[in-house]
Amino acid sequence: MSSDDLTGRTAVVTGATGGMGRAIVAALAGAGAHVVATDLRDDGADDLLAAVADSSGSVVFVSGDVANAEHMADVVERAVSLHGSLDCAVNAAAIEFETVPLAECTVDDFDRMMSVNVRGTFLSMKAEIAAMLDAGTGSIVNIASTNSFRPQHDQPAYTASKHAVLGLTRSAAMDYAAHGIRVNAICPGAIDTPMLRSAMERRGRNADDVAGRLSRLGRFGQPSEIADAALWLCSDSSSFTTGHALSVDGGMLSS
């Protein structure tokens, strides 16, 4: 068995029908994991399940809101009841819709961003850690952002939310290392997802210009490249890694 083989292990993935979430589900199931996937949107669930039908693992989809504590407790409980334990989790649920600086950001927009990106991550981790404590082992991966380190213009709430995700990651890594639970973050740069394409359209940005500005490699990253990083952090290959923020950004943060 290779060290990134997840055969027989159980995983939870949030934001599962989004660009990165979908790729992460496919990577974990492809490595043999039994995945319980969840997203508020269920219009992509059939396509997701069809895409992983031939995987060595399995996928069950549950629709619901990560910002709802009962929903996330139910998702984790389902994973444990179906497969006996929760071994790893990737919290990828997030939104981004801003086009204005802080003074023009509405309270409703700020609260909405925090509800999904921060409260959703907190509630997911809370349920996941509780299940992992029973087993005395586990790996949690939170999808943060390069905005966790370097803000882009006109994204005050999103930037604040991704700083908070990194803070939750590092705090939990410190608190639960002695319990055998590792907690890490991935900080994607410009990844070619519907969310990124939508953001460029809102701002009237040209794809080539954005890729050249945000990546030293001169291209967008692919969701599969984030999924590969998530698989590594979920697997035994990263057994000595916790509290880490792994930038997958084409060198954006190197300058």
Protein backbone atom coordinates (compact mmCIF):
# COMPACT_ATOMS: atom_id res chain seq x y z
CA MET A 1 0.00 0.00 0.00
CA SER A 2 1.41 3.39 -0.96
CA SER A 3 1.47 6.10 1.70
CA ASP A 4 -1.20 8.13 -0.09
CA ASP A 5 -3.55 5.13 -0.37
CA LEU A 6 -6.74 5.85 1.57
CA THR A 7 -8.35 2.46 1.05
CA GLY A 8 -10.83 1.74 3.83
CA ARG A 9 -10.67 5.24 5.29
CA THR A 10 -13.58 7.62 5.67
CA ALA A 11 -13.59 11.27 4.64
CA VAL A 12 -15.92 14.26 4.74
CA VAL A 13 -15.68 16.95 2.07
CA THR A 14 -17.63 20.22 2.21
CA GLY A 15 -18.22 22.47 -0.81
CA ALA A 16 -18.25 19.23 -2.77
CA THR A 17 -19.92 20.41 -5.98
CA GLY A 18 -17.64 23.44 -6.44
CA GLY A 19 -14.59 23.42 -8.68
CA MET A 20 -12.03 22.51 -6.03
CA GLY A 21 -14.40 20.49 -3.87
CA ARG A 22 -15.44 18.27 -6.75
CA ALA A 23 -11.80 17.56 -7.65
CA ILE A 24 -11.01 16.79 -4.01
CA VAL A 25 -13.89 14.31 -3.76
CA ALA A 26 -12.65 12.59 -6.92
CA ALA A 27 -9.06 12.42 -5.63
CA LEU A 28 -10.00 10.97 -2.25
CA ALA A 29 -12.44 8.45 -3.72
CA GLY A 30 -9.86 7.56 -6.35
CA ALA A 31 -7.40 6.79 -3.55
CA GLY A 32 -9.93 4.38 -2.04
CA ALA A 33 -11.66 6.56 0.58
CA HIS A 34 -15.34 6.37 1.46
CA VAL A 35 -16.40 10.01 1.08
CA VAL A 36 -19.46 11.73 2.52
CA ALA A 37 -19.72 14.88 0.43
CA THR A 38 -21.89 17.88 1.19
CA ASP A 39 -22.80 21.18 -0.43
CA LEU A 40 -25.63 23.68 -0.21
CA ARG A 41 -26.13 23.30 -3.94
CA ASP A 42 -27.26 19.88 -5.09
CA ASP A 43 -27.61 20.68 -8.80
CA GLY A 44 -24.15 19.26 -9.44
CA ALA A 45 -24.56 16.18 -7.26
CA ASP A 46 -25.60 13.80 -10.03
CA ASP A 47 -22.64 14.82 -12.18
CA LEU A 48 -20.31 14.43 -9.19
CA LEU A 49 -21.57 10.95 -8.39
CA ALA A 50 -21.35 9.91 -12.04
CA ALA A 51 -17.77 11.17 -12.27
CA VAL A 52 -16.63 9.02 -9.34
CA ALA A 53 -18.72 5.94 -10.13
CA ASP A 54 -15.67 3.92 -11.18
CA SER A 55 -13.50 4.97 -8.23
CA SER A 56 -12.05 2.38 -5.89
CA GLY A 57 -13.72 4.23 -3.03
CA SER A 58 -17.31 5.42 -2.66
CA VAL A 59 -19.20 8.71 -2.44
CA VAL A 60 -22.46 9.61 -0.70
CA PHE A 61 -23.84 13.12 -1.22
CA VAL A 62 -25.81 15.02 1.43
CA SER A 63 -27.28 18.45 0.64
CA GLY A 64 -27.17 21.12 3.34
CA ASP A 65 -25.69 24.30 4.77
CA VAL A 66 -22.25 24.16 6.43
CA ALA A 67 -23.26 27.17 8.53
CA ASN A 68 -25.93 25.01 10.19
CA ALA A 69 -24.51 23.18 13.21
CA GLU A 70 -27.10 20.41 13.08
CA HIS A 71 -26.37 19.71 9.43
CA MET A 72 -22.63 19.34 9.94
CA ALA A 73 -23.15 17.14 12.99
CA ASP A 74 -25.45 14.96 10.87
CA VAL A 75 -22.91 14.75 8.03
CA VAL A 76 -20.16 13.56 10.36
CA GLU A 77 -22.53 11.19 12.16
CA ARG A 78 -23.51 9.69 8.82
CA ALA A 79 -19.88 9.13 7.89
CA VAL A 80 -19.21 7.38 11.20
CA SER A 81 -22.40 5.31 11.11
CA LEU A 82 -21.75 4.17 7.54
CA HIS A 83 -18.06 3.38 7.88
CA GLY A 84 -17.19 3.21 11.58
CA SER A 85 -14.93 6.25 11.94
CA LEU A 86 -13.89 9.57 10.45
CA ASP A 87 -10.29 9.55 9.30
CA CYS A 88 -9.95 12.76 7.30
CA ALA A 89 -11.89 15.83 6.21
CA VAL A 90 -11.45 18.62 3.71
CA ASN A 91 -13.41 21.79 4.36
CA ALA A 92 -13.71 23.50 0.98
CA ALA A 93 -17.05 25.30 1.25
CA ALA A 94 -16.61 29.02 0.56
CA ILE A 95 -18.11 31.99 -1.25
CA GLU A 96 -16.59 35.14 -2.78
CA PHE A 97 -18.63 37.89 -4.42
CA GLU A 98 -17.09 41.24 -3.46
CA THR A 99 -16.27 44.15 -5.76
CA VAL A 100 -15.99 47.06 -3.30
CA PRO A 101 -13.58 48.33 -0.61
CA LEU A 102 -14.35 48.07 3.10
CA ALA A 103 -16.31 51.31 3.59
CA GLU A 104 -18.74 50.22 0.86
CA CYS A 105 -19.10 46.64 2.09
CA THR A 106 -22.58 46.15 3.53
CA VAL A 107 -23.14 44.56 6.91
CA ASP A 108 -25.29 41.90 5.26
CA ASP A 109 -22.53 41.01 2.79
CA PHE A 110 -19.95 40.86 5.58
CA ASP A 111 -22.18 38.62 7.68
CA ARG A 112 -22.94 36.35 4.73
CA MET A 113 -19.24 35.91 3.96
CA MET A 114 -18.41 35.15 7.58
CA SER A 115 -21.33 32.75 7.91
CA VAL A 116 -20.12 30.44 5.14
CA ASN A 117 -16.36 30.89 5.18
CA VAL A 118 -15.71 31.17 8.92
CA ARG A 119 -18.75 29.81 10.78
CA GLY A 120 -19.02 26.98 8.24
CA THR A 121 -15.37 26.03 8.70
CA PHE A 122 -15.67 26.28 12.49
CA LEU A 123 -18.78 24.08 12.64
CA SER A 124 -17.27 21.56 10.25
CA MET A 125 -14.10 21.31 12.32
CA LYS A 126 -16.05 21.13 15.57
CA ALA A 127 -18.00 18.08 14.41
CA GLU A 128 -15.02 16.47 12.70
CA ILE A 129 -12.67 16.84 15.67
CA ALA A 130 -15.26 15.38 18.05
CA ALA A 131 -15.44 12.24 15.90
CA MET A 132 -11.67 12.00 15.48
CA LEU A 133 -11.07 12.27 19.22
CA ASP A 134 -12.88 8.98 19.68
CA ALA A 135 -10.42 7.31 17.30
CA GLY A 136 -7.33 9.15 18.52
CA THR A 137 -6.25 10.01 14.99
CA GLY A 138 -7.29 12.07 11.98
CA SER A 139 -6.35 14.73 9.47
CA ILE A 140 -8.30 17.91 8.68
CA VAL A 141 -7.54 20.14 5.71
CA ASN A 142 -9.07 23.61 5.45
CA ILE A 143 -9.11 25.46 2.15
CA ALA A 144 -7.82 28.94 2.95
CA SER A 145 -6.41 31.30 0.28
CA THR A 146 -3.46 33.40 -0.72
CA ASN A 147 -5.72 36.16 0.66
CA SER A 148 -4.87 34.67 4.06
CA PHE A 149 -1.51 36.41 3.56
CA ARG A 150 -1.92 38.99 0.81
CA PRO A 151 -5.24 40.73 0.09
CA GLN A 152 -6.49 41.62 -3.35
CA HIS A 153 -8.27 44.90 -3.97
CA ASP A 154 -11.95 45.18 -3.02
CA GLN A 155 -12.17 41.94 -1.04
CA PRO A 156 -12.28 43.04 2.62
CA ALA A 157 -14.73 40.47 4.00
CA TYR A 158 -13.31 37.60 1.95
CA THR A 159 -9.78 38.49 3.04
CA ALA A 160 -10.84 38.70 6.69
CA SER A 161 -12.62 35.36 6.41
CA LYS A 162 -9.59 33.60 4.96
CA HIS A 163 -7.32 35.04 7.64
CA ALA A 164 -9.78 33.57 10.13
CA VAL A 165 -9.69 30.15 8.46
CA LEU A 166 -5.93 30.11 8.83
CA GLY A 167 -6.27 31.14 12.48
CA LEU A 168 -8.72 28.31 13.16
CA THR A 169 -6.35 25.90 11.45
CA ARG A 170 -3.31 26.86 13.51
CA SER A 171 -5.23 27.01 16.78
CA ALA A 172 -6.73 23.55 16.30
CA ALA A 173 -3.38 22.13 15.19
CA MET A 174 -1.88 23.29 18.47
CA ASP A 175 -4.75 22.05 20.62
CA TYR A 176 -5.17 18.59 19.09
CA ALA A 177 -1.69 17.45 18.07
CA ALA A 178 -1.37 15.53 21.33
CA HIS A 179 -4.59 13.72 20.44
CA GLY A 180 -3.20 12.45 17.14
CA ILE A 181 -5.19 14.91 15.01
CA ARG A 182 -3.37 16.91 12.36
CA VAL A 183 -4.87 20.16 11.01
CA ASN A 184 -3.47 21.95 7.97
CA ALA A 185 -4.56 24.50 5.38
CA ILE A 186 -4.15 24.80 1.64
CA CYS A 187 -3.85 28.34 0.31
CA PRO A 188 -4.84 28.27 -3.37
CA GLY A 189 -3.85 31.05 -5.71
CA ALA A 190 -5.64 31.65 -9.00
CA ILE A 191 -7.31 28.30 -9.64
CA ASP A 192 -9.46 27.89 -12.75
CA THR A 193 -12.86 27.37 -11.14
CA PRO A 194 -16.34 28.80 -11.75
CA MET A 195 -15.77 31.05 -8.71
CA LEU A 196 -12.65 32.58 -10.28
CA ARG A 197 -14.29 32.97 -13.69
CA SER A 198 -17.27 34.66 -12.06
CA ALA A 199 -15.01 37.03 -10.14
CA MET A 200 -13.16 38.02 -13.33
CA GLU A 201 -16.44 38.62 -15.13
CA ARG A 202 -17.73 40.85 -12.31
CA ARG A 203 -14.58 42.93 -12.48
CA GLY A 204 -14.25 42.94 -16.27
CA ARG A 205 -10.81 41.31 -16.10
CA ASN A 206 -9.03 39.50 -18.91
CA ALA A 207 -8.05 35.91 -18.11
CA ASP A 208 -4.54 36.20 -19.59
CA ASP A 209 -3.86 39.39 -17.65
CA VAL A 210 -5.08 37.86 -14.39
CA ALA A 211 -3.05 34.68 -14.87
CA GLY A 212 0.07 36.69 -15.66
CA ARG A 213 -0.38 38.93 -12.64
CA LEU A 214 -1.27 36.25 -10.09
CA SER A 215 1.02 33.41 -11.14
CA ARG A 216 4.77 33.26 -11.73
CA LEU A 217 4.05 30.29 -13.99
CA GLY A 218 1.84 32.44 -16.23
CA ARG A 219 -1.22 30.20 -16.02
CA PHE A 220 -4.12 29.37 -13.76
CA GLY A 221 -3.84 26.39 -11.46
CA GLN A 222 -6.18 23.47 -11.99
CA PRO A 223 -8.58 22.11 -9.34
CA SER A 224 -6.80 18.77 -9.62
CA GLU A 225 -3.60 20.43 -8.35
CA ILE A 226 -5.41 21.50 -5.19
CA ALA A 227 -6.89 18.01 -4.90
CA ASP A 228 -3.43 16.46 -5.10
CA ALA A 229 -2.30 18.67 -2.22
CA ALA A 230 -5.39 17.75 -0.20
CA LEU A 231 -4.79 14.05 -0.80
CA TRP A 232 -1.21 14.40 0.43
CA LEU A 233 -2.29 16.21 3.60
CA CYS A 234 -5.00 13.62 4.29
CA SER A 235 -2.59 10.72 3.80
CA ASP A 236 0.21 9.17 5.80
CA SER A 237 2.68 10.85 3.45
CA SER A 238 2.25 14.03 5.52
CA SER A 239 2.30 12.33 8.93
CA PHE A 240 4.78 14.88 10.38
CA THR A 241 2.93 17.91 9.04
CA THR A 242 0.47 19.92 11.13
CA GLY A 243 -0.34 23.60 11.56
CA HIS A 244 1.00 24.23 8.06
CA ALA A 245 -0.34 26.59 5.39
CA LEU A 246 0.55 25.03 2.04
CA SER A 247 0.48 27.62 -0.75
CA VAL A 248 -0.48 26.16 -4.13
CA ASP A 249 -0.29 29.42 -6.01
CA GLY A 250 2.09 29.26 -8.96
CA GLY A 251 4.62 31.29 -6.96
CA MET A 252 2.29 34.23 -6.29
CA LEU A 253 3.38 34.64 -2.67
CA SER A 254 7.07 34.32 -3.49
CA SER A 255 7.35 37.92 -4.66
